[in-house]
Structures are given as C-alpha cells and as structure tokens.
Amino acid sequence: MADAPVVAVRGEAYREVAPELAEFTVTATARDRDRETTLTRLAERAAAVRVLLDSSGPAIERRETGQLRVWPETKRSGERVVAYHGSVGTSVTVTDFTALGELMLRLADQDQVEVAGPWWSLRPDSPAYREARHAAIADALARAREYAEALGARVTALLELSDTGTGAQPMMARAVFGKGAGGRADVAPELELDPRPQSVQAAVEARFTISEPVLG
C-alpha cells in the first residue's frame, strides 16, 4: 500500500439555499432638556416596543436587549448641558418570514423608533452545511476516479481527507424605517420582503491510492 501510486485532489461544493432566520434591530430613542423626562420617555417607548414584540407570538424565535445609552448634549464650549439623549436597542430573530414585513412596519410606526434589517442567515446546525460537505467529498472522489481512469487505473483506497472549510455568509437586505413624533397614517402600509438565498460552500482535500497505471 505504501508503494502504491497516489492521486491528490480537491473536492468542492457550492449551493444556494433558502435562509432559515431573519434578524433585525429596533431602537427606541428619546431627547429632552430634562434628564428625567428623557428617561421616562425612553422607558415608555421601550415598553411599547416590548408590547408589540410580545404580541407577535411564535413568529419571534429570540430577542435580546442590546446597548442602553444615555448621554448629555453639551455646548461646543464648556460643559453646560443643553439636552439629554437616550437609546435602547433590541435584536430580534424571526423564523416566520410571512409576518416579518408587517412586524417591522408596526414597530417602525412607533414614535421615535428606528428599525433596521433584515439580515438573512442559516442556523449553525443547518442541514445545508452537512449536504455541502457530502457533496464536496463526492466531488473529490469523482475527480480521483477521473484521473485514475485517464491512466487506465482505478481508485483503491483513501489515504487522507481534510476539511478546508465550510461556510455561509449572512446576507443582508437593509431597510431602515423610522418615525418621529407626529400623526399616524390612516391606512397601514404593507411590505413584502423577499428572502435572499444563502451561499453555502464546502471544500475538502483528499489523497487516494490507485492501482498501477497502464501507460503507453
């Protein structure tokens, strides 16, 4: 076996699959000359966001509160405070894409709330990764057999197999919605979002022994 001819190949696979998750962020903000008023408004707006998210039921898989910021606005010269700003963000992960557009617009319809996203992605344990790895191995074996056949030989055994990487890049379709203080529209807008396919790729390097080539 040690003296048998060896062929080394690289197997690759590329797939485009439907996303499984969509993530977006919703940020409530407040500003006022009085610090307590700013904090009160921020708490009220954050609570309104929570109520809307609570009403979405199983469409939301996960939500996480992000950074809470409260900071003074001062004049260019000196430290005299002219206003206070506050913001609190929430990251929301959705699996029901049919409800995604409506949910984002409902959140964006709140006063002083900004919504950004979505970012499309796959689950870390998505079957798409496994399928891509299997396809890469099959590609490596097919290439090895092609080389062996070209030499009048056949593949006899696998010596080594290494994974050179499997990955997917989260794809983003960014839309930013925001609303300041003011009246609401009489007719609620509708928004359809088209999930962006996710690119999944895998690659392996393999070494096979082959039978003695028939040369000449």
N, C-alpha and C. Protein backbone atom coordinates (compact mmCIF):
# COMPACT_ATOMS: atom_id res chain seq x y z
N MET A 1 0.83 -1.21 0.00
CA MET A 1 0.00 0.00 0.00
C MET A 1 0.86 1.25 0.00
N ALA A 2 1.95 1.22 0.76
CA ALA A 2 2.80 2.41 0.86
C ALA A 2 3.44 2.76 -0.48
N ASP A 3 3.69 1.76 -1.32
CA ASP A 3 4.34 2.00 -2.61
C ASP A 3 3.34 2.21 -3.74
N ALA A 4 2.05 2.16 -3.44
CA ALA A 4 1.05 2.31 -4.49
C ALA A 4 1.01 3.76 -4.99
N PRO A 5 0.70 3.95 -6.25
CA PRO A 5 0.57 5.31 -6.78
C PRO A 5 -0.51 6.08 -6.02
N VAL A 6 -0.31 7.38 -5.90
CA VAL A 6 -1.24 8.22 -5.13
C VAL A 6 -1.72 9.37 -6.01
N VAL A 7 -2.99 9.68 -5.90
CA VAL A 7 -3.54 10.85 -6.57
C VAL A 7 -4.13 11.77 -5.49
N ALA A 8 -3.79 13.04 -5.58
CA ALA A 8 -4.29 14.04 -4.63
C ALA A 8 -5.25 14.98 -5.35
N VAL A 9 -6.41 15.21 -4.77
CA VAL A 9 -7.44 16.03 -5.41
C VAL A 9 -8.09 16.96 -4.39
N ARG A 10 -8.80 17.91 -4.92
CA ARG A 10 -9.60 18.83 -4.11
C ARG A 10 -11.05 18.71 -4.55
N GLY A 11 -11.93 18.52 -3.61
CA GLY A 11 -13.36 18.43 -3.89
C GLY A 11 -14.07 19.68 -3.39
N GLU A 12 -14.99 20.21 -4.18
CA GLU A 12 -15.68 21.44 -3.81
C GLU A 12 -17.18 21.30 -4.06
N ALA A 13 -17.94 22.07 -3.31
CA ALA A 13 -19.39 22.11 -3.50
C ALA A 13 -19.88 23.51 -3.19
N TYR A 14 -20.83 23.96 -3.97
CA TYR A 14 -21.43 25.29 -3.78
C TYR A 14 -22.94 25.16 -3.94
N ARG A 15 -23.66 25.71 -2.99
CA ARG A 15 -25.11 25.65 -3.02
C ARG A 15 -25.70 27.01 -2.65
N GLU A 16 -26.86 27.30 -3.21
CA GLU A 16 -27.65 28.44 -2.76
C GLU A 16 -28.93 27.87 -2.17
N VAL A 17 -29.17 28.19 -0.90
CA VAL A 17 -30.32 27.64 -0.20
C VAL A 17 -31.13 28.77 0.43
N ALA A 18 -32.38 28.47 0.73
CA ALA A 18 -33.25 29.46 1.35
C ALA A 18 -32.80 29.73 2.78
N PRO A 19 -32.87 30.97 3.22
CA PRO A 19 -32.47 31.29 4.61
C PRO A 19 -33.45 30.67 5.60
N GLU A 20 -32.97 30.49 6.81
CA GLU A 20 -33.80 29.92 7.88
C GLU A 20 -34.14 30.96 8.96
N LEU A 21 -33.33 32.00 9.04
CA LEU A 21 -33.53 33.03 10.07
C LEU A 21 -33.44 34.41 9.44
N ALA A 22 -34.15 35.35 10.04
CA ALA A 22 -34.04 36.77 9.68
C ALA A 22 -33.89 37.56 10.96
N GLU A 23 -32.89 38.42 11.00
CA GLU A 23 -32.65 39.23 12.18
C GLU A 23 -32.74 40.71 11.83
N PHE A 24 -33.34 41.47 12.72
CA PHE A 24 -33.37 42.91 12.55
C PHE A 24 -33.22 43.57 13.92
N THR A 25 -32.94 44.86 13.91
CA THR A 25 -32.80 45.60 15.16
C THR A 25 -33.86 46.69 15.24
N VAL A 26 -34.33 46.94 16.42
CA VAL A 26 -35.29 48.02 16.66
C VAL A 26 -34.74 48.86 17.80
N THR A 27 -34.66 50.17 17.58
CA THR A 27 -34.05 51.08 18.55
C THR A 27 -35.02 52.20 18.89
N ALA A 28 -35.29 52.33 20.18
CA ALA A 28 -36.13 53.43 20.68
C ALA A 28 -35.22 54.54 21.19
N THR A 29 -35.59 55.77 20.90
CA THR A 29 -34.77 56.92 21.30
C THR A 29 -35.63 57.97 22.00
N ALA A 30 -34.96 58.84 22.73
CA ALA A 30 -35.64 59.95 23.39
C ALA A 30 -34.66 61.10 23.56
N ARG A 31 -35.20 62.33 23.59
CA ARG A 31 -34.37 63.52 23.79
C ARG A 31 -35.20 64.61 24.45
N ASP A 32 -34.62 65.23 25.48
CA ASP A 32 -35.29 66.34 26.13
C ASP A 32 -34.26 67.13 26.94
N ARG A 33 -34.62 68.35 27.25
CA ARG A 33 -33.70 69.15 28.06
C ARG A 33 -33.60 68.62 29.48
N ASP A 34 -34.67 67.99 29.93
CA ASP A 34 -34.69 67.46 31.29
C ASP A 34 -34.30 65.98 31.28
N ARG A 35 -33.38 65.61 32.15
CA ARG A 35 -32.90 64.23 32.16
C ARG A 35 -34.00 63.24 32.54
N GLU A 36 -34.77 63.56 33.57
CA GLU A 36 -35.81 62.63 33.99
C GLU A 36 -36.87 62.44 32.92
N THR A 37 -37.19 63.52 32.21
CA THR A 37 -38.16 63.41 31.12
C THR A 37 -37.63 62.51 30.02
N THR A 38 -36.35 62.65 29.72
CA THR A 38 -35.73 61.79 28.71
C THR A 38 -35.81 60.34 29.12
N LEU A 39 -35.48 60.04 30.35
CA LEU A 39 -35.52 58.65 30.83
C LEU A 39 -36.94 58.10 30.83
N THR A 40 -37.89 58.92 31.23
CA THR A 40 -39.28 58.47 31.25
C THR A 40 -39.78 58.15 29.85
N ARG A 41 -39.51 59.04 28.90
CA ARG A 41 -39.94 58.80 27.52
C ARG A 41 -39.26 57.56 26.93
N LEU A 42 -37.98 57.41 27.24
CA LEU A 42 -37.26 56.24 26.73
C LEU A 42 -37.87 54.96 27.27
N ALA A 43 -38.17 54.94 28.58
CA ALA A 43 -38.77 53.75 29.18
C ALA A 43 -40.13 53.46 28.58
N GLU A 44 -40.93 54.50 28.33
CA GLU A 44 -42.26 54.30 27.74
C GLU A 44 -42.16 53.74 26.32
N ARG A 45 -41.23 54.27 25.53
CA ARG A 45 -41.10 53.80 24.15
C ARG A 45 -40.53 52.39 24.09
N ALA A 46 -39.60 52.09 24.99
CA ALA A 46 -39.07 50.73 25.04
C ALA A 46 -40.16 49.75 25.46
N ALA A 47 -41.03 50.17 26.38
CA ALA A 47 -42.13 49.31 26.81
C ALA A 47 -43.12 49.07 25.68
N ALA A 48 -43.37 50.10 24.86
CA ALA A 48 -44.28 49.94 23.72
C ALA A 48 -43.70 48.95 22.72
N VAL A 49 -42.40 48.99 22.52
CA VAL A 49 -41.75 48.03 21.64
C VAL A 49 -41.92 46.62 22.19
N ARG A 50 -41.73 46.45 23.49
CA ARG A 50 -41.88 45.14 24.11
C ARG A 50 -43.30 44.59 23.94
N VAL A 51 -44.28 45.45 24.08
CA VAL A 51 -45.67 45.01 23.92
C VAL A 51 -45.90 44.48 22.51
N LEU A 52 -45.40 45.18 21.52
CA LEU A 52 -45.57 44.72 20.13
C LEU A 52 -44.85 43.39 19.90
N LEU A 53 -43.66 43.27 20.44
CA LEU A 53 -42.92 42.02 20.28
C LEU A 53 -43.63 40.87 21.00
N ASP A 54 -44.17 41.16 22.18
CA ASP A 54 -44.90 40.13 22.92
C ASP A 54 -46.11 39.64 22.14
N SER A 55 -46.74 40.54 21.39
CA SER A 55 -47.95 40.17 20.65
C SER A 55 -47.67 39.36 19.39
N SER A 56 -46.39 39.23 19.03
CA SER A 56 -46.04 38.53 17.79
C SER A 56 -45.98 37.02 17.96
N GLY A 57 -46.02 36.55 19.20
CA GLY A 57 -46.08 35.12 19.47
C GLY A 57 -44.93 34.33 18.92
N PRO A 58 -45.23 33.15 18.33
CA PRO A 58 -44.17 32.23 17.87
C PRO A 58 -43.40 32.70 16.64
N ALA A 59 -43.83 33.80 16.02
CA ALA A 59 -43.07 34.30 14.86
C ALA A 59 -41.67 34.69 15.27
N ILE A 60 -41.49 35.11 16.52
CA ILE A 60 -40.18 35.52 17.03
C ILE A 60 -39.54 34.35 17.75
N GLU A 61 -38.36 33.98 17.31
CA GLU A 61 -37.64 32.90 17.96
C GLU A 61 -36.80 33.39 19.12
N ARG A 62 -36.23 34.58 18.97
CA ARG A 62 -35.36 35.10 20.02
C ARG A 62 -35.31 36.62 19.94
N ARG A 63 -35.18 37.23 21.09
CA ARG A 63 -34.96 38.68 21.13
C ARG A 63 -34.03 38.99 22.30
N GLU A 64 -33.16 39.95 22.07
CA GLU A 64 -32.15 40.28 23.06
C GLU A 64 -31.99 41.79 23.13
N THR A 65 -32.02 42.31 24.34
CA THR A 65 -31.79 43.74 24.52
C THR A 65 -30.32 44.05 24.32
N GLY A 66 -30.06 45.05 23.49
CA GLY A 66 -28.68 45.43 23.21
C GLY A 66 -28.22 46.55 24.12
N GLN A 67 -27.56 47.51 23.55
CA GLN A 67 -26.93 48.58 24.33
C GLN A 67 -27.95 49.64 24.75
N LEU A 68 -27.90 49.99 26.03
CA LEU A 68 -28.66 51.12 26.56
C LEU A 68 -27.70 52.29 26.72
N ARG A 69 -28.06 53.43 26.10
CA ARG A 69 -27.20 54.61 26.16
C ARG A 69 -28.00 55.82 26.62
N VAL A 70 -27.42 56.54 27.56
CA VAL A 70 -27.96 57.83 27.98
C VAL A 70 -26.78 58.78 28.09
N TRP A 71 -26.86 59.91 27.38
CA TRP A 71 -25.71 60.81 27.39
C TRP A 71 -26.15 62.27 27.28
N PRO A 72 -25.37 63.18 27.85
CA PRO A 72 -25.71 64.60 27.79
C PRO A 72 -25.20 65.24 26.51
N GLU A 73 -25.94 66.20 26.03
CA GLU A 73 -25.50 67.03 24.91
C GLU A 73 -25.05 68.38 25.47
N THR A 74 -23.82 68.74 25.20
CA THR A 74 -23.28 69.99 25.75
C THR A 74 -22.99 70.97 24.62
N LYS A 75 -22.84 72.21 25.00
CA LYS A 75 -22.44 73.21 24.02
C LYS A 75 -20.99 72.98 23.60
N ARG A 76 -20.65 73.50 22.46
CA ARG A 76 -19.29 73.28 21.95
C ARG A 76 -18.23 73.78 22.92
N SER A 77 -18.51 74.85 23.58
CA SER A 77 -17.57 75.37 24.57
C SER A 77 -18.17 75.19 25.96
N GLY A 78 -17.39 74.63 26.85
CA GLY A 78 -17.87 74.44 28.20
C GLY A 78 -18.59 73.12 28.37
N GLU A 79 -19.17 72.93 29.56
CA GLU A 79 -19.84 71.69 29.91
C GLU A 79 -21.30 71.89 30.24
N ARG A 80 -21.86 72.99 29.85
CA ARG A 80 -23.28 73.21 30.14
C ARG A 80 -24.14 72.28 29.29
N VAL A 81 -24.98 71.53 29.98
CA VAL A 81 -25.83 70.55 29.30
C VAL A 81 -27.05 71.24 28.72
N VAL A 82 -27.28 71.02 27.43
CA VAL A 82 -28.44 71.63 26.77
C VAL A 82 -29.56 70.61 26.53
N ALA A 83 -29.22 69.31 26.56
CA ALA A 83 -30.24 68.26 26.37
C ALA A 83 -29.65 66.92 26.78
N TYR A 84 -30.55 65.97 26.97
CA TYR A 84 -30.15 64.59 27.27
C TYR A 84 -30.72 63.67 26.19
N HIS A 85 -29.90 62.73 25.78
CA HIS A 85 -30.31 61.75 24.78
C HIS A 85 -30.33 60.36 25.43
N GLY A 86 -31.20 59.52 24.91
CA GLY A 86 -31.23 58.13 25.38
C GLY A 86 -31.63 57.21 24.25
N SER A 87 -31.10 56.00 24.26
CA SER A 87 -31.50 55.00 23.26
C SER A 87 -31.34 53.61 23.85
N VAL A 88 -32.18 52.70 23.40
CA VAL A 88 -32.07 51.29 23.79
C VAL A 88 -32.45 50.45 22.58
N GLY A 89 -31.60 49.48 22.27
CA GLY A 89 -31.82 48.65 21.08
C GLY A 89 -32.17 47.22 21.44
N THR A 90 -32.89 46.58 20.56
CA THR A 90 -33.28 45.18 20.72
C THR A 90 -33.02 44.45 19.41
N SER A 91 -32.37 43.31 19.50
CA SER A 91 -32.13 42.46 18.35
C SER A 91 -33.21 41.38 18.32
N VAL A 92 -33.86 41.22 17.17
CA VAL A 92 -34.99 40.30 17.04
C VAL A 92 -34.69 39.28 15.95
N THR A 93 -34.88 38.01 16.26
CA THR A 93 -34.68 36.93 15.30
C THR A 93 -36.03 36.29 14.98
N VAL A 94 -36.35 36.23 13.70
CA VAL A 94 -37.67 35.77 13.25
C VAL A 94 -37.51 34.56 12.34
N THR A 95 -38.42 33.59 12.49
CA THR A 95 -38.42 32.42 11.61
C THR A 95 -39.61 32.42 10.66
N ASP A 96 -40.65 33.15 11.00
CA ASP A 96 -41.84 33.23 10.14
C ASP A 96 -41.69 34.45 9.24
N PHE A 97 -41.21 34.23 8.03
CA PHE A 97 -40.95 35.35 7.12
C PHE A 97 -42.22 36.01 6.61
N THR A 98 -43.34 35.30 6.67
CA THR A 98 -44.59 35.89 6.19
C THR A 98 -45.05 37.02 7.12
N ALA A 99 -44.62 36.97 8.38
CA ALA A 99 -45.01 38.00 9.34
C ALA A 99 -43.94 39.07 9.50
N LEU A 100 -42.81 38.89 8.86
CA LEU A 100 -41.66 39.77 9.09
C LEU A 100 -41.92 41.21 8.66
N GLY A 101 -42.39 41.41 7.44
CA GLY A 101 -42.59 42.75 6.94
C GLY A 101 -43.59 43.52 7.77
N GLU A 102 -44.72 42.89 8.12
CA GLU A 102 -45.74 43.55 8.92
C GLU A 102 -45.20 43.92 10.30
N LEU A 103 -44.44 43.00 10.90
CA LEU A 103 -43.89 43.27 12.23
C LEU A 103 -42.92 44.45 12.20
N MET A 104 -42.06 44.50 11.20
CA MET A 104 -41.11 45.60 11.12
C MET A 104 -41.81 46.94 10.93
N LEU A 105 -42.84 46.95 10.10
CA LEU A 105 -43.56 48.20 9.88
C LEU A 105 -44.34 48.63 11.12
N ARG A 106 -44.91 47.69 11.84
CA ARG A 106 -45.63 48.03 13.07
C ARG A 106 -44.68 48.64 14.09
N LEU A 107 -43.50 48.10 14.18
CA LEU A 107 -42.51 48.66 15.10
C LEU A 107 -42.06 50.04 14.65
N ALA A 108 -41.83 50.18 13.35
CA ALA A 108 -41.37 51.46 12.82
C ALA A 108 -42.44 52.54 12.93
N ASP A 109 -43.69 52.15 13.13
CA ASP A 109 -44.78 53.12 13.23
C ASP A 109 -44.86 53.75 14.62
N GLN A 110 -44.01 53.28 15.55
CA GLN A 110 -43.98 53.87 16.89
C GLN A 110 -43.17 55.17 16.87
N ASP A 111 -43.51 56.08 17.76
CA ASP A 111 -42.80 57.35 17.83
C ASP A 111 -41.35 57.15 18.25
N GLN A 112 -40.46 57.81 17.53
CA GLN A 112 -39.02 57.82 17.84
C GLN A 112 -38.44 56.41 17.92
N VAL A 113 -38.80 55.59 16.95
CA VAL A 113 -38.30 54.22 16.88
C VAL A 113 -37.71 53.99 15.49
N GLU A 114 -36.53 53.39 15.44
CA GLU A 114 -35.88 53.05 14.18
C GLU A 114 -35.76 51.54 14.07
N VAL A 115 -36.06 51.02 12.89
CA VAL A 115 -35.95 49.59 12.61
C VAL A 115 -34.98 49.41 11.45
N ALA A 116 -34.04 48.49 11.58
CA ALA A 116 -33.05 48.24 10.52
C ALA A 116 -32.89 46.75 10.31
N GLY A 117 -32.71 46.38 9.04
CA GLY A 117 -32.55 44.98 8.69
C GLY A 117 -33.42 44.66 7.47
N PRO A 118 -33.66 43.40 7.22
CA PRO A 118 -33.20 42.22 7.97
C PRO A 118 -31.87 41.67 7.46
N TRP A 119 -31.25 40.86 8.30
CA TRP A 119 -30.10 40.07 7.93
C TRP A 119 -30.55 38.61 7.83
N TRP A 120 -30.38 38.02 6.66
CA TRP A 120 -30.80 36.64 6.45
C TRP A 120 -29.64 35.69 6.79
N SER A 121 -29.96 34.54 7.34
CA SER A 121 -28.90 33.59 7.68
C SER A 121 -29.46 32.18 7.83
N LEU A 122 -28.53 31.24 8.01
CA LEU A 122 -28.88 29.86 8.31
C LEU A 122 -28.60 29.57 9.78
N ARG A 123 -29.23 28.54 10.30
CA ARG A 123 -28.91 28.09 11.64
C ARG A 123 -27.50 27.48 11.64
N PRO A 124 -26.79 27.59 12.77
CA PRO A 124 -25.44 26.99 12.82
C PRO A 124 -25.43 25.50 12.53
N ASP A 125 -26.51 24.79 12.86
CA ASP A 125 -26.57 23.35 12.63
C ASP A 125 -27.45 23.01 11.43
N SER A 126 -27.57 23.93 10.50
CA SER A 126 -28.42 23.71 9.33
C SER A 126 -27.99 22.48 8.54
N PRO A 127 -28.93 21.66 8.08
CA PRO A 127 -28.59 20.51 7.23
C PRO A 127 -27.87 20.93 5.95
N ALA A 128 -27.98 22.19 5.56
CA ALA A 128 -27.33 22.64 4.33
C ALA A 128 -25.81 22.48 4.41
N TYR A 129 -25.24 22.67 5.60
CA TYR A 129 -23.79 22.51 5.75
C TYR A 129 -23.39 21.05 5.55
N ARG A 130 -24.14 20.15 6.14
CA ARG A 130 -23.85 18.72 6.01
C ARG A 130 -23.97 18.28 4.55
N GLU A 131 -25.02 18.74 3.88
CA GLU A 131 -25.20 18.38 2.47
C GLU A 131 -24.06 18.90 1.61
N ALA A 132 -23.57 20.09 1.91
CA ALA A 132 -22.45 20.65 1.15
C ALA A 132 -21.18 19.84 1.38
N ARG A 133 -20.94 19.42 2.63
CA ARG A 133 -19.75 18.61 2.91
C ARG A 133 -19.81 17.28 2.17
N HIS A 134 -20.98 16.65 2.20
CA HIS A 134 -21.13 15.38 1.48
C HIS A 134 -20.89 15.56 -0.02
N ALA A 135 -21.41 16.66 -0.55
CA ALA A 135 -21.23 16.92 -1.98
C ALA A 135 -19.75 17.17 -2.31
N ALA A 136 -19.02 17.83 -1.41
CA ALA A 136 -17.60 18.09 -1.64
C ALA A 136 -16.81 16.78 -1.64
N ILE A 137 -17.15 15.87 -0.74
CA ILE A 137 -16.48 14.57 -0.71
C ILE A 137 -16.78 13.79 -1.98
N ALA A 138 -18.03 13.82 -2.42
CA ALA A 138 -18.39 13.13 -3.65
C ALA A 138 -17.64 13.71 -4.85
N ASP A 139 -17.46 15.02 -4.84
CA ASP A 139 -16.72 15.67 -5.92
C ASP A 139 -15.25 15.24 -5.91
N ALA A 140 -14.66 15.15 -4.73
CA ALA A 140 -13.27 14.71 -4.63
C ALA A 140 -13.11 13.28 -5.15
N LEU A 141 -14.03 12.40 -4.76
CA LEU A 141 -13.95 11.01 -5.22
C LEU A 141 -14.15 10.92 -6.73
N ALA A 142 -15.09 11.71 -7.26
CA ALA A 142 -15.32 11.68 -8.71
C ALA A 142 -14.08 12.16 -9.47
N ARG A 143 -13.41 13.18 -8.95
CA ARG A 143 -12.20 13.67 -9.61
C ARG A 143 -11.09 12.63 -9.56
N ALA A 144 -10.95 12.00 -8.40
CA ALA A 144 -9.92 10.97 -8.28
C ALA A 144 -10.16 9.84 -9.27
N ARG A 145 -11.40 9.44 -9.41
CA ARG A 145 -11.72 8.35 -10.35
C ARG A 145 -11.46 8.77 -11.80
N GLU A 146 -11.74 10.05 -12.11
CA GLU A 146 -11.48 10.54 -13.46
C GLU A 146 -9.99 10.49 -13.78
N TYR A 147 -9.17 10.92 -12.83
CA TYR A 147 -7.72 10.88 -13.05
C TYR A 147 -7.24 9.44 -13.18
N ALA A 148 -7.77 8.58 -12.32
CA ALA A 148 -7.35 7.17 -12.38
C ALA A 148 -7.75 6.55 -13.71
N GLU A 149 -8.96 6.81 -14.15
CA GLU A 149 -9.42 6.25 -15.42
C GLU A 149 -8.58 6.75 -16.58
N ALA A 150 -8.16 8.02 -16.51
CA ALA A 150 -7.33 8.56 -17.57
C ALA A 150 -5.99 7.83 -17.66
N LEU A 151 -5.57 7.24 -16.55
CA LEU A 151 -4.32 6.48 -16.51
C LEU A 151 -4.52 4.99 -16.68
N GLY A 152 -5.77 4.60 -16.92
CA GLY A 152 -6.04 3.17 -17.06
C GLY A 152 -5.99 2.47 -15.72
N ALA A 153 -6.29 3.18 -14.63
CA ALA A 153 -6.24 2.60 -13.29
C ALA A 153 -7.58 2.81 -12.60
N ARG A 154 -7.64 2.41 -11.34
CA ARG A 154 -8.85 2.60 -10.55
C ARG A 154 -8.46 3.00 -9.13
N VAL A 155 -9.36 3.71 -8.48
CA VAL A 155 -9.13 4.11 -7.08
C VAL A 155 -9.26 2.88 -6.19
N THR A 156 -8.31 2.71 -5.29
CA THR A 156 -8.31 1.52 -4.43
C THR A 156 -8.54 1.84 -2.96
N ALA A 157 -8.07 2.98 -2.48
CA ALA A 157 -8.23 3.28 -1.05
C ALA A 157 -8.06 4.77 -0.78
N LEU A 158 -8.63 5.21 0.32
CA LEU A 158 -8.48 6.59 0.78
C LEU A 158 -7.34 6.65 1.78
N LEU A 159 -6.39 7.54 1.53
CA LEU A 159 -5.28 7.72 2.46
C LEU A 159 -5.53 8.86 3.44
N GLU A 160 -6.09 9.95 2.95
CA GLU A 160 -6.23 11.13 3.80
C GLU A 160 -7.37 12.00 3.29
N LEU A 161 -8.09 12.59 4.22
CA LEU A 161 -9.17 13.50 3.88
C LEU A 161 -9.14 14.67 4.87
N SER A 162 -9.09 15.89 4.36
CA SER A 162 -9.07 17.06 5.24
C SER A 162 -10.11 18.06 4.78
N ASP A 163 -10.76 18.67 5.77
CA ASP A 163 -11.78 19.68 5.51
C ASP A 163 -11.11 21.04 5.45
N THR A 164 -11.24 21.72 4.33
CA THR A 164 -10.60 23.04 4.19
C THR A 164 -11.58 24.18 4.42
N GLY A 165 -12.80 23.84 4.80
CA GLY A 165 -13.70 24.93 5.17
C GLY A 165 -15.10 24.77 4.63
N THR A 166 -16.05 25.05 5.51
CA THR A 166 -17.45 25.12 5.13
C THR A 166 -17.98 26.42 5.67
N GLY A 167 -18.66 27.14 4.85
CA GLY A 167 -19.12 28.43 5.36
C GLY A 167 -20.29 28.98 4.59
N ALA A 168 -20.93 29.94 5.24
CA ALA A 168 -22.01 30.71 4.61
C ALA A 168 -21.89 32.13 5.10
N GLN A 169 -22.15 33.07 4.22
CA GLN A 169 -22.10 34.48 4.58
C GLN A 169 -23.52 34.98 4.81
N PRO A 170 -23.80 35.48 6.03
CA PRO A 170 -25.12 36.07 6.24
C PRO A 170 -25.35 37.21 5.25
N MET A 171 -26.47 37.19 4.59
CA MET A 171 -26.77 38.20 3.60
C MET A 171 -27.78 39.18 4.16
N MET A 172 -27.58 40.41 3.82
CA MET A 172 -28.41 41.47 4.38
C MET A 172 -29.20 42.17 3.29
N ALA A 173 -30.45 42.41 3.59
CA ALA A 173 -31.25 43.29 2.74
C ALA A 173 -31.65 44.44 3.65
N ARG A 174 -30.90 45.50 3.62
CA ARG A 174 -31.06 46.54 4.63
C ARG A 174 -32.16 47.52 4.26
N ALA A 175 -33.04 47.70 5.20
CA ALA A 175 -34.06 48.73 5.09
C ALA A 175 -34.13 49.43 6.43
N VAL A 176 -34.16 50.73 6.43
CA VAL A 176 -34.23 51.48 7.68
C VAL A 176 -35.55 52.23 7.71
N PHE A 177 -36.31 51.99 8.76
CA PHE A 177 -37.58 52.66 8.93
C PHE A 177 -37.53 53.45 10.22
N GLY A 178 -38.05 54.62 10.20
CA GLY A 178 -38.08 55.40 11.43
C GLY A 178 -39.23 56.38 11.40
N LYS A 179 -39.64 56.78 12.59
CA LYS A 179 -40.75 57.73 12.66
C LYS A 179 -40.50 58.68 13.79
N GLY A 180 -40.63 59.93 13.52
CA GLY A 180 -40.55 60.93 14.58
C GLY A 180 -41.91 61.15 15.18
N ALA A 181 -42.01 62.12 16.05
CA ALA A 181 -43.30 62.43 16.65
C ALA A 181 -44.24 62.99 15.59
N GLY A 182 -45.49 62.62 15.68
CA GLY A 182 -46.45 63.12 14.70
C GLY A 182 -47.60 62.15 14.53
N GLY A 183 -48.50 62.46 13.61
CA GLY A 183 -49.67 61.64 13.41
C GLY A 183 -49.36 60.39 12.63
N ARG A 184 -50.26 59.44 12.75
CA ARG A 184 -50.12 58.18 12.04
C ARG A 184 -50.92 58.23 10.74
N ALA A 185 -50.50 57.41 9.81
CA ALA A 185 -51.24 57.33 8.55
C ALA A 185 -52.57 56.61 8.78
N ASP A 186 -53.60 56.98 8.02
CA ASP A 186 -54.90 56.35 8.17
C ASP A 186 -54.88 54.92 7.68
N VAL A 187 -54.09 54.62 6.66
CA VAL A 187 -54.01 53.28 6.10
C VAL A 187 -52.63 52.71 6.36
N ALA A 188 -52.60 51.55 7.01
CA ALA A 188 -51.32 50.92 7.34
C ALA A 188 -50.64 50.44 6.06
N PRO A 189 -49.38 50.75 5.85
CA PRO A 189 -48.69 50.28 4.65
C PRO A 189 -48.40 48.80 4.73
N GLU A 190 -48.16 48.22 3.57
CA GLU A 190 -47.81 46.81 3.51
C GLU A 190 -46.41 46.69 2.92
N LEU A 191 -45.71 45.68 3.39
CA LEU A 191 -44.34 45.47 2.92
C LEU A 191 -44.08 44.00 2.73
N GLU A 192 -43.69 43.62 1.51
CA GLU A 192 -43.30 42.25 1.23
C GLU A 192 -41.79 42.19 1.12
N LEU A 193 -41.20 41.22 1.81
CA LEU A 193 -39.76 41.05 1.78
C LEU A 193 -39.42 39.73 1.10
N ASP A 194 -38.46 39.76 0.20
CA ASP A 194 -38.03 38.55 -0.49
C ASP A 194 -36.76 38.02 0.18
N PRO A 195 -36.85 36.87 0.84
CA PRO A 195 -35.67 36.31 1.49
C PRO A 195 -34.53 36.09 0.50
N ARG A 196 -33.34 36.50 0.88
CA ARG A 196 -32.18 36.38 -0.01
C ARG A 196 -31.54 35.00 0.16
N PRO A 197 -31.33 34.25 -0.93
CA PRO A 197 -30.69 32.93 -0.82
C PRO A 197 -29.31 33.03 -0.16
N GLN A 198 -28.98 32.00 0.59
CA GLN A 198 -27.70 31.95 1.29
C GLN A 198 -26.72 31.06 0.53
N SER A 199 -25.51 31.53 0.36
CA SER A 199 -24.47 30.76 -0.32
C SER A 199 -23.76 29.87 0.69
N VAL A 200 -23.73 28.59 0.41
CA VAL A 200 -23.06 27.61 1.26
C VAL A 200 -22.01 26.90 0.42
N GLN A 201 -20.79 26.84 0.92
CA GLN A 201 -19.74 26.16 0.17
C GLN A 201 -18.91 25.29 1.10
N ALA A 202 -18.38 24.24 0.54
CA ALA A 202 -17.53 23.32 1.28
C ALA A 202 -16.41 22.85 0.37
N ALA A 203 -15.27 22.54 0.98
CA ALA A 203 -14.13 22.07 0.20
C ALA A 203 -13.34 21.06 1.04
N VAL A 204 -12.85 20.03 0.38
CA VAL A 204 -12.01 19.03 1.04
C VAL A 204 -10.80 18.74 0.15
N GLU A 205 -9.75 18.31 0.78
CA GLU A 205 -8.58 17.81 0.06
C GLU A 205 -8.40 16.34 0.43
N ALA A 206 -8.18 15.52 -0.57
CA ALA A 206 -8.13 14.08 -0.34
C ALA A 206 -6.98 13.46 -1.13
N ARG A 207 -6.44 12.38 -0.58
CA ARG A 207 -5.40 11.60 -1.25
C ARG A 207 -5.85 10.15 -1.31
N PHE A 208 -5.83 9.60 -2.52
CA PHE A 208 -6.26 8.23 -2.76
C PHE A 208 -5.11 7.43 -3.36
N THR A 209 -5.08 6.14 -3.03
CA THR A 209 -4.18 5.25 -3.76
C THR A 209 -4.94 4.71 -4.96
N ILE A 210 -4.21 4.46 -6.03
CA ILE A 210 -4.81 3.88 -7.23
C ILE A 210 -4.00 2.65 -7.64
N SER A 211 -4.62 1.85 -8.46
CA SER A 211 -3.92 0.68 -8.97
C SER A 211 -2.82 1.13 -9.96
N GLU A 212 -1.98 0.21 -10.33
CA GLU A 212 -0.88 0.54 -11.24
C GLU A 212 -1.44 1.07 -12.57
N PRO A 213 -0.99 2.26 -12.97
CA PRO A 213 -1.45 2.80 -14.25
C PRO A 213 -1.02 1.96 -15.43
N VAL A 214 -1.83 2.02 -16.46
CA VAL A 214 -1.48 1.35 -17.73
C VAL A 214 -0.98 2.45 -18.65
N LEU A 215 0.34 2.55 -18.79
CA LEU A 215 0.93 3.62 -19.59
C LEU A 215 1.35 3.09 -20.95
N GLY A 216 1.19 3.94 -21.95
CA GLY A 216 1.63 3.56 -23.29
C GLY A 216 0.58 2.77 -24.06
